[in-house]
């Protein structure tokens, strides 16, 4: 027995414009964030140590 496919919600008019404006604003905020150095992240350092021990270093 086949399962019915649900309709995909679609935005129109003012709701679509508002969604697009919010998405553009979020993208601009993301681009303006200061970039961080991943090599100083404790998780990255731990991963490198694990890879070194397994002879798979970056």
N, C-alpha and C. Protein backbone atom coordinates (compact mmCIF):
# COMPACT_ATOMS: atom_id res chain seq x y z
N UNK A 1 0.84 -1.16 0.00
CA UNK A 1 0.00 0.00 0.00
C UNK A 1 0.90 1.25 0.00
N UNK A 2 0.63 2.19 -0.86
CA UNK A 2 1.45 3.40 -1.01
C UNK A 2 1.09 4.43 0.07
N UNK A 3 2.10 5.17 0.48
CA UNK A 3 1.90 6.25 1.43
C UNK A 3 1.66 7.54 0.67
N UNK A 4 0.68 8.29 1.07
CA UNK A 4 0.38 9.55 0.40
C UNK A 4 1.51 10.55 0.63
N UNK A 5 1.84 11.31 -0.41
CA UNK A 5 2.87 12.34 -0.31
C UNK A 5 2.21 13.62 0.19
N UNK A 6 2.80 14.19 1.23
CA UNK A 6 2.25 15.41 1.81
C UNK A 6 2.64 16.61 0.94
N UNK A 7 1.77 17.58 0.90
CA UNK A 7 2.05 18.80 0.15
C UNK A 7 3.15 19.60 0.84
N UNK A 8 4.01 20.21 0.05
CA UNK A 8 5.08 21.04 0.58
C UNK A 8 4.52 22.44 0.80
N UNK A 9 4.64 22.98 2.00
CA UNK A 9 4.10 24.32 2.25
C UNK A 9 4.87 25.35 1.42
N UNK A 10 4.15 26.26 0.80
CA UNK A 10 4.74 27.29 -0.04
C UNK A 10 4.29 28.66 0.45
N UNK A 11 5.24 29.59 0.52
CA UNK A 11 4.92 30.94 0.96
C UNK A 11 4.62 31.82 -0.24
N UNK A 12 3.65 32.69 -0.09
CA UNK A 12 3.27 33.61 -1.16
C UNK A 12 3.16 35.02 -0.59
N UNK A 13 3.30 36.00 -1.44
CA UNK A 13 3.03 37.39 -1.08
C UNK A 13 3.92 37.92 0.03
N UNK A 14 3.30 38.58 0.98
CA UNK A 14 4.02 39.24 2.06
C UNK A 14 4.80 38.25 2.93
N UNK A 15 4.25 37.08 3.15
CA UNK A 15 4.96 36.06 3.96
C UNK A 15 6.25 35.63 3.26
N UNK A 16 6.22 35.49 1.95
CA UNK A 16 7.41 35.11 1.20
C UNK A 16 8.46 36.21 1.26
N UNK A 17 8.05 37.46 1.10
CA UNK A 17 8.98 38.59 1.17
C UNK A 17 9.60 38.69 2.56
N UNK A 18 8.78 38.51 3.60
CA UNK A 18 9.29 38.59 4.97
C UNK A 18 10.30 37.47 5.23
N UNK A 19 9.99 36.26 4.77
CA UNK A 19 10.91 35.14 4.95
C UNK A 19 12.23 35.42 4.25
N UNK A 20 12.16 35.93 3.02
CA UNK A 20 13.37 36.23 2.24
C UNK A 20 14.20 37.31 2.94
N UNK A 21 13.54 38.35 3.45
CA UNK A 21 14.26 39.41 4.17
C UNK A 21 14.96 38.87 5.40
N UNK A 22 14.28 38.02 6.16
CA UNK A 22 14.89 37.43 7.35
C UNK A 22 16.07 36.53 6.99
N UNK A 23 15.94 35.78 5.89
CA UNK A 23 17.03 34.90 5.45
C UNK A 23 18.24 35.73 5.01
N UNK A 24 18.01 36.81 4.28
CA UNK A 24 19.10 37.68 3.84
C UNK A 24 19.79 38.34 5.03
N UNK A 25 19.00 38.77 6.02
CA UNK A 25 19.57 39.40 7.21
C UNK A 25 20.43 38.40 7.98
N UNK A 26 19.97 37.17 8.12
CA UNK A 26 20.74 36.15 8.82
C UNK A 26 22.05 35.85 8.09
N UNK A 27 22.00 35.83 6.77
CA UNK A 27 23.20 35.58 5.98
C UNK A 27 24.22 36.70 6.17
N UNK A 28 23.75 37.94 6.18
CA UNK A 28 24.66 39.08 6.40
C UNK A 28 25.30 39.01 7.78
N UNK A 29 24.50 38.68 8.80
CA UNK A 29 25.06 38.56 10.16
C UNK A 29 26.11 37.47 10.21
N UNK A 30 25.90 36.36 9.50
CA UNK A 30 26.87 35.26 9.50
C UNK A 30 28.18 35.70 8.84
N UNK A 31 28.09 36.44 7.73
CA UNK A 31 29.29 36.88 7.01
C UNK A 31 30.09 37.89 7.82
N UNK A 32 29.44 38.65 8.70
CA UNK A 32 30.12 39.68 9.47
C UNK A 32 30.79 39.15 10.73
N UNK A 33 30.50 37.90 11.08
CA UNK A 33 31.11 37.34 12.29
C UNK A 33 32.62 37.23 12.11
N UNK A 34 33.38 37.43 13.18
CA UNK A 34 34.83 37.24 13.06
C UNK A 34 35.13 35.76 12.84
N UNK A 35 36.04 35.51 11.94
CA UNK A 35 36.43 34.13 11.66
C UNK A 35 37.33 33.63 12.78
N UNK A 36 37.13 32.39 13.20
CA UNK A 36 37.96 31.86 14.28
C UNK A 36 38.93 30.82 13.72
N UNK A 37 40.03 30.67 14.40
CA UNK A 37 41.07 29.74 13.99
C UNK A 37 40.74 28.36 14.55
N UNK A 38 40.40 27.45 13.67
CA UNK A 38 39.98 26.11 14.11
C UNK A 38 41.14 25.34 14.72
N UNK A 39 42.37 25.67 14.35
CA UNK A 39 43.52 24.92 14.88
C UNK A 39 43.73 25.16 16.37
N UNK A 40 43.08 26.16 16.94
CA UNK A 40 43.19 26.42 18.38
C UNK A 40 42.03 25.80 19.16
N UNK A 41 41.11 25.17 18.48
CA UNK A 41 39.96 24.55 19.12
C UNK A 41 40.40 23.26 19.83
N UNK A 42 40.03 23.07 21.09
CA UNK A 42 40.45 21.86 21.83
C UNK A 42 40.00 20.56 21.14
N UNK A 43 38.85 20.55 20.52
CA UNK A 43 38.39 19.35 19.82
C UNK A 43 39.28 19.03 18.63
N UNK A 44 39.70 20.06 17.92
CA UNK A 44 40.58 19.88 16.76
C UNK A 44 41.94 19.35 17.22
N UNK A 45 42.46 19.91 18.31
CA UNK A 45 43.75 19.47 18.84
C UNK A 45 43.67 18.01 19.26
N UNK A 46 42.59 17.62 19.92
CA UNK A 46 42.41 16.23 20.34
C UNK A 46 42.32 15.31 19.13
N UNK A 47 41.60 15.75 18.10
CA UNK A 47 41.49 14.93 16.89
C UNK A 47 42.86 14.73 16.25
N UNK A 48 43.67 15.78 16.20
CA UNK A 48 45.01 15.66 15.61
C UNK A 48 45.87 14.68 16.39
N UNK A 49 45.76 14.72 17.72
CA UNK A 49 46.54 13.78 18.54
C UNK A 49 46.11 12.35 18.27
N UNK A 50 44.81 12.12 18.15
CA UNK A 50 44.31 10.77 17.86
C UNK A 50 44.82 10.30 16.50
N UNK A 51 44.77 11.18 15.52
CA UNK A 51 45.22 10.81 14.18
C UNK A 51 46.72 10.56 14.14
N UNK A 52 47.50 11.33 14.92
CA UNK A 52 48.94 11.11 14.97
C UNK A 52 49.25 9.72 15.53
N UNK A 53 48.52 9.34 16.58
CA UNK A 53 48.75 8.03 17.18
C UNK A 53 48.35 6.89 16.25
N UNK A 54 47.42 7.15 15.35
CA UNK A 54 46.98 6.09 14.44
C UNK A 54 47.69 6.17 13.07
N UNK A 55 48.71 7.02 12.98
CA UNK A 55 49.48 7.22 11.75
C UNK A 55 48.61 7.72 10.60
N UNK A 56 47.60 8.52 10.90
CA UNK A 56 46.74 9.12 9.89
C UNK A 56 46.75 10.64 10.01
N UNK A 57 47.88 11.23 10.38
CA UNK A 57 47.91 12.66 10.67
C UNK A 57 47.56 13.51 9.45
N UNK A 58 47.08 14.72 9.75
CA UNK A 58 46.73 15.67 8.69
C UNK A 58 47.99 16.23 8.16
